[in-house]
Protein backbone atom coordinates (compact mmCIF):
# COMPACT_ATOMS: atom_id res chain seq x y z
CA MET A 1 124.77 157.08 75.50
CA LYS A 2 123.07 153.79 76.29
CA LYS A 3 120.46 153.90 79.03
CA ASN A 4 121.31 150.42 80.25
CA LEU A 5 125.05 150.17 80.61
CA ILE A 6 126.70 146.76 80.39
CA PRO A 7 124.68 144.53 82.75
CA ILE A 8 126.16 143.31 86.00
CA LYS A 9 125.21 140.15 87.83
CA PHE A 10 126.31 138.43 90.98
CA LEU A 11 128.16 135.14 90.82
CA GLN A 12 126.11 133.10 93.23
CA THR A 13 128.79 130.96 94.83
CA PRO A 14 129.08 129.30 98.22
CA THR A 15 131.15 131.11 100.81
CA ASP A 16 134.28 129.22 101.84
CA ASN A 17 136.31 130.33 104.86
CA SER A 18 138.97 127.61 104.69
CA ILE A 19 142.49 128.96 105.05
CA THR A 20 144.88 126.43 103.50
CA ILE A 21 146.29 126.90 100.00
CA ARG A 22 144.84 123.54 99.04
CA ASP A 23 141.38 124.66 100.16
CA LEU A 24 141.77 127.93 98.28
CA LYS A 25 142.70 126.15 95.07
CA SER A 26 139.84 123.72 95.57
CA PHE A 27 137.42 126.63 95.89
CA TRP A 28 138.99 128.20 92.80
CA GLY A 29 138.11 125.05 90.91
CA LYS A 30 134.48 125.39 92.00
CA VAL A 31 134.13 128.95 90.74
CA PHE A 32 136.64 128.82 87.86
CA THR A 33 134.06 128.95 85.06
CA LEU A 34 132.21 131.81 86.72
CA ILE A 35 135.41 133.81 87.14
CA LEU A 36 136.31 133.25 83.48
CA GLU A 37 132.87 134.54 82.54
CA ARG A 38 133.38 137.66 84.64
CA GLU A 39 136.87 138.17 83.22
CA LYS A 40 135.44 137.95 79.70
CA HIS A 41 132.83 140.53 80.67
CA PHE A 42 135.51 143.01 81.75
CA LYS A 43 137.47 142.48 78.52
CA ASN A 44 134.35 143.08 76.45
CA ILE A 45 133.74 146.41 78.17
CA TRP A 46 136.87 147.82 76.55
CA LYS A 47 136.22 146.20 73.18
CA GLN A 48 132.52 147.00 72.88
CA SER A 49 131.95 150.18 74.87
CA CYS A 50 131.96 153.80 73.76
CA ASP A 51 133.86 156.60 75.48
CA GLU A 52 130.89 157.55 77.64
CA GLU A 53 130.56 154.03 78.99
CA ILE A 54 134.26 153.82 79.81
CA PHE A 55 133.92 157.20 81.51
CA ALA A 56 131.00 155.85 83.55
CA GLU A 57 133.26 153.06 84.83
CA LEU A 58 135.75 155.70 85.93
CA ILE A 59 133.04 157.62 87.78
CA PHE A 60 131.90 154.43 89.49
CA CYS A 61 135.42 153.91 90.83
CA LEU A 62 135.57 157.53 91.99
CA LEU A 63 132.41 156.94 94.03
CA THR A 64 133.40 153.65 95.67
CA PRO A 65 135.78 154.71 98.49
CA GLN A 66 133.98 153.95 101.78
CA SER A 67 130.70 153.30 99.95
CA ARG A 68 128.97 150.11 98.85
CA ALA A 69 129.62 149.21 95.23
CA ILE A 70 125.98 148.52 94.38
CA ILE A 71 124.90 151.93 95.74
CA CYS A 72 127.60 153.61 93.66
CA TRP A 73 126.65 151.76 90.49
CA ASN A 74 122.98 152.59 90.96
CA ALA A 75 123.97 156.25 91.34
CA VAL A 76 125.97 156.08 88.08
CA LYS A 77 123.02 154.49 86.28
CA GLU A 78 120.69 157.22 87.52
CA LEU A 79 123.12 159.91 86.39
CA ILE A 80 123.18 158.31 82.95
CA ALA A 81 119.39 157.91 82.80
CA LYS A 82 118.94 161.61 83.61
CA ASN A 83 121.72 162.68 81.26
CA MET A 84 123.61 164.21 84.18
CA LEU A 85 126.92 162.39 83.88
CA LEU A 86 128.05 164.57 80.99
CA ASN A 87 126.11 167.68 81.95
CA LEU A 88 124.93 169.78 84.89
CA LYS A 89 126.74 171.21 87.88
CA SER A 90 128.12 169.44 90.92
CA THR A 91 125.15 170.62 93.02
CA ASP A 92 122.80 168.76 90.70
CA ILE A 93 124.96 165.64 90.79
CA VAL A 94 125.01 165.69 94.61
CA LYS A 95 121.24 165.17 94.65
CA ILE A 96 121.63 161.97 92.64
CA ILE A 97 124.59 160.54 94.57
CA ASN A 98 123.15 161.47 97.97
CA LYS A 99 123.49 157.88 99.27
CA VAL A 100 127.21 157.84 98.49
CA ARG A 101 129.57 158.92 101.26
CA PHE A 102 131.42 162.24 100.79
CA LYS A 103 128.93 163.13 98.07
CA ASN A 104 129.99 166.79 97.80
CA ASN A 105 133.65 166.01 97.19
CA LYS A 106 132.83 163.16 94.84
CA ALA A 107 130.50 165.35 92.79
CA LYS A 108 133.43 167.73 92.32
CA TYR A 109 135.62 164.78 91.28
CA ILE A 110 133.08 163.90 88.60
CA ILE A 111 133.16 167.46 87.25
CA ASN A 112 136.98 167.51 87.27
CA ALA A 113 137.18 164.16 85.49
CA ARG A 114 134.67 165.30 82.91
CA GLU A 115 136.72 168.44 82.20
CA LEU A 116 139.92 166.39 81.97
CA PHE A 117 138.60 164.03 79.30
CA THR A 118 136.39 166.42 77.31
CA ILE A 119 137.60 167.52 73.88
CA ASN A 120 135.31 169.61 71.64
CA ASN A 121 132.37 168.93 73.96
CA LYS A 122 132.83 165.15 73.74
CA ILE A 123 134.33 162.62 76.15
CA LYS A 124 137.58 161.23 74.68
CA ILE A 125 138.83 158.93 77.41
CA LYS A 126 139.64 155.88 75.24
CA GLU A 127 142.00 157.88 73.07
CA LYS A 128 143.93 159.00 76.14
CA ILE A 129 144.11 155.48 77.55
CA MET A 130 145.33 154.05 74.25
CA SER A 131 148.16 156.60 74.15
CA PHE A 132 149.86 154.61 76.93
CA LYS A 133 151.70 151.40 76.08
CA ASP A 134 152.67 150.72 79.70
CA ILE A 135 149.81 149.97 82.11
CA ILE A 136 151.90 151.00 85.13
CA LYS A 137 152.56 154.42 83.60
CA LEU A 138 148.88 154.73 82.71
CA ARG A 139 147.84 153.97 86.28
CA LYS A 140 150.32 156.53 87.58
CA TRP A 141 149.01 159.14 85.14
CA LEU A 142 145.43 158.51 86.26
CA ILE A 143 146.40 158.88 89.92
CA LEU A 144 148.26 162.13 89.27
CA ASN A 145 145.61 163.68 87.03
CA VAL A 146 142.19 162.40 88.13
CA LYS A 147 141.28 164.00 91.45
CA GLY A 148 139.95 161.49 93.98
CA LEU A 149 141.62 158.52 92.32
CA GLY A 150 144.19 156.57 94.35
CA TYR A 151 146.04 153.34 93.61
CA LYS A 152 143.11 151.13 94.58
CA GLU A 153 140.57 153.09 92.55
CA ALA A 154 142.86 153.42 89.50
CA SER A 155 143.60 149.68 89.58
CA HIS A 156 139.89 148.94 90.01
CA PHE A 157 139.01 151.10 87.01
CA LEU A 158 141.62 149.48 84.77
CA ARG A 159 140.49 145.99 85.82
CA ASN A 160 136.84 146.89 85.15
CA ILE A 161 137.61 147.90 81.57
CA GLY A 162 139.61 144.77 80.84
CA LEU A 163 143.09 146.22 81.41
CA GLY A 164 145.55 145.88 84.23
CA LYS A 165 144.90 142.20 84.94
CA ASN A 166 148.11 142.00 87.00
CA LEU A 167 147.31 145.00 89.18
CA ALA A 168 146.13 144.62 92.77
CA ILE A 169 142.90 146.15 94.04
CA LEU A 170 143.81 146.35 97.71
CA ASP A 171 140.51 146.77 99.49
CA ARG A 172 139.74 145.36 102.94
CA HIS A 173 138.62 141.96 101.58
CA ILE A 174 141.84 141.46 99.65
CA LEU A 175 144.07 142.68 102.48
CA ARG A 176 142.40 140.42 105.04
CA ASN A 177 142.88 137.42 102.79
CA LEU A 178 146.49 138.30 102.14
CA LYS A 179 147.02 138.26 105.90
CA ILE A 180 145.23 134.92 106.22
CA TYR A 181 147.54 133.38 103.62
CA GLU A 182 150.59 135.03 105.24
CA VAL A 183 151.36 137.20 102.24
CA ILE A 184 151.45 140.13 104.66
CA GLU A 185 151.93 140.06 108.43
CA GLU A 186 149.29 142.66 109.26
CA VAL A 187 146.61 144.65 107.47
CA PRO A 188 148.08 148.17 107.28
CA LYS A 189 146.11 150.98 108.88
CA THR A 190 147.01 153.24 105.96
CA LEU A 191 148.26 152.51 102.48
CA THR A 192 151.07 154.78 101.36
CA THR A 193 152.31 154.50 97.78
CA LYS A 194 155.33 152.52 98.96
CA THR A 195 153.23 150.13 101.05
CA TYR A 196 150.67 149.64 98.28
CA LEU A 197 153.31 148.74 95.71
CA GLU A 198 155.11 146.42 98.13
CA ILE A 199 151.91 144.52 98.91
CA GLU A 200 150.99 144.42 95.23
CA LYS A 201 154.37 142.80 94.50
CA ARG A 202 153.82 140.25 97.27
CA MET A 203 150.39 139.44 95.90
CA GLN A 204 151.86 138.96 92.43
CA ASN A 205 154.45 136.57 93.85
CA PHE A 206 151.71 134.70 95.74
CA ALA A 207 149.78 134.38 92.47
CA LYS A 208 152.84 132.89 90.76
CA ARG A 209 153.50 130.53 93.66
CA THR A 210 149.91 129.23 93.76
CA ARG A 211 149.54 129.41 89.97
CA ILE A 212 146.31 131.35 90.39
CA PRO A 213 146.33 134.35 88.00
CA MET A 214 146.24 137.77 89.68
CA SER A 215 143.00 138.60 87.88
CA HIS A 216 141.44 135.41 89.28
CA LEU A 217 142.89 135.85 92.76
CA ASP A 218 141.13 139.16 93.23
CA MET A 219 137.74 137.72 92.26
CA LEU A 220 138.41 134.49 94.15
CA PHE A 221 138.93 136.36 97.41
CA TRP A 222 135.75 138.32 96.79
CA CYS A 223 133.78 135.11 96.13
CA LYS A 224 135.27 133.52 99.21
CA ASN A 225 134.28 136.41 101.47
CA THR A 226 131.01 137.64 100.01
CA GLY A 227 129.63 134.78 97.91
CA GLY A 228 129.68 136.92 94.77
CA ILE A 229 131.40 139.53 92.65
CA PHE A 230 129.96 142.95 91.90
CA LYS A 231 132.21 145.01 89.64
């Protein structure tokens, strides 16, 4: 497995807090090339990466709930560097992901995911993914079978490997922006399956109405709020 997984970089873009659709589309124009570059990066992950690297993307998404993305990715890189992602017990993994919230549970999720996708002592995650022709069914399968993976994390994983470009990654940044643009009335305190899918549909309709692709809209909101995109 490669020591240096596919490199990640921030898109250094100005933060724009304007709230009109016209302002949003104007900002989209400013960062359009950078978003295309990032989109190409995600697509290349699926095309150019081995099973272990795809698995690493899954583990990253398992670590992200209530933790900073960059801390999670650094933890994944350290696990890879020490050959722990595909080996060792959860207690050993905990020591590496100690900066990630809920480290004990997440270490167990890593072990469970590893067992799920291991065939003859090798990770075979790409084969399983390719067995699905329908991305919605694939997402549902991941949620039902990968412990610790919800709709947001499953959608995030599929986006990060160049699939699921029309899926919504409903984190706090996205939800707050959807409220700003009156796609939703309020940011929900909890996201049930029904609520998640309803908001995802509204976001898809908003993308059609503004003619900003769903895959761009997600990154656009992130650029707008944070000045960059990190996985």
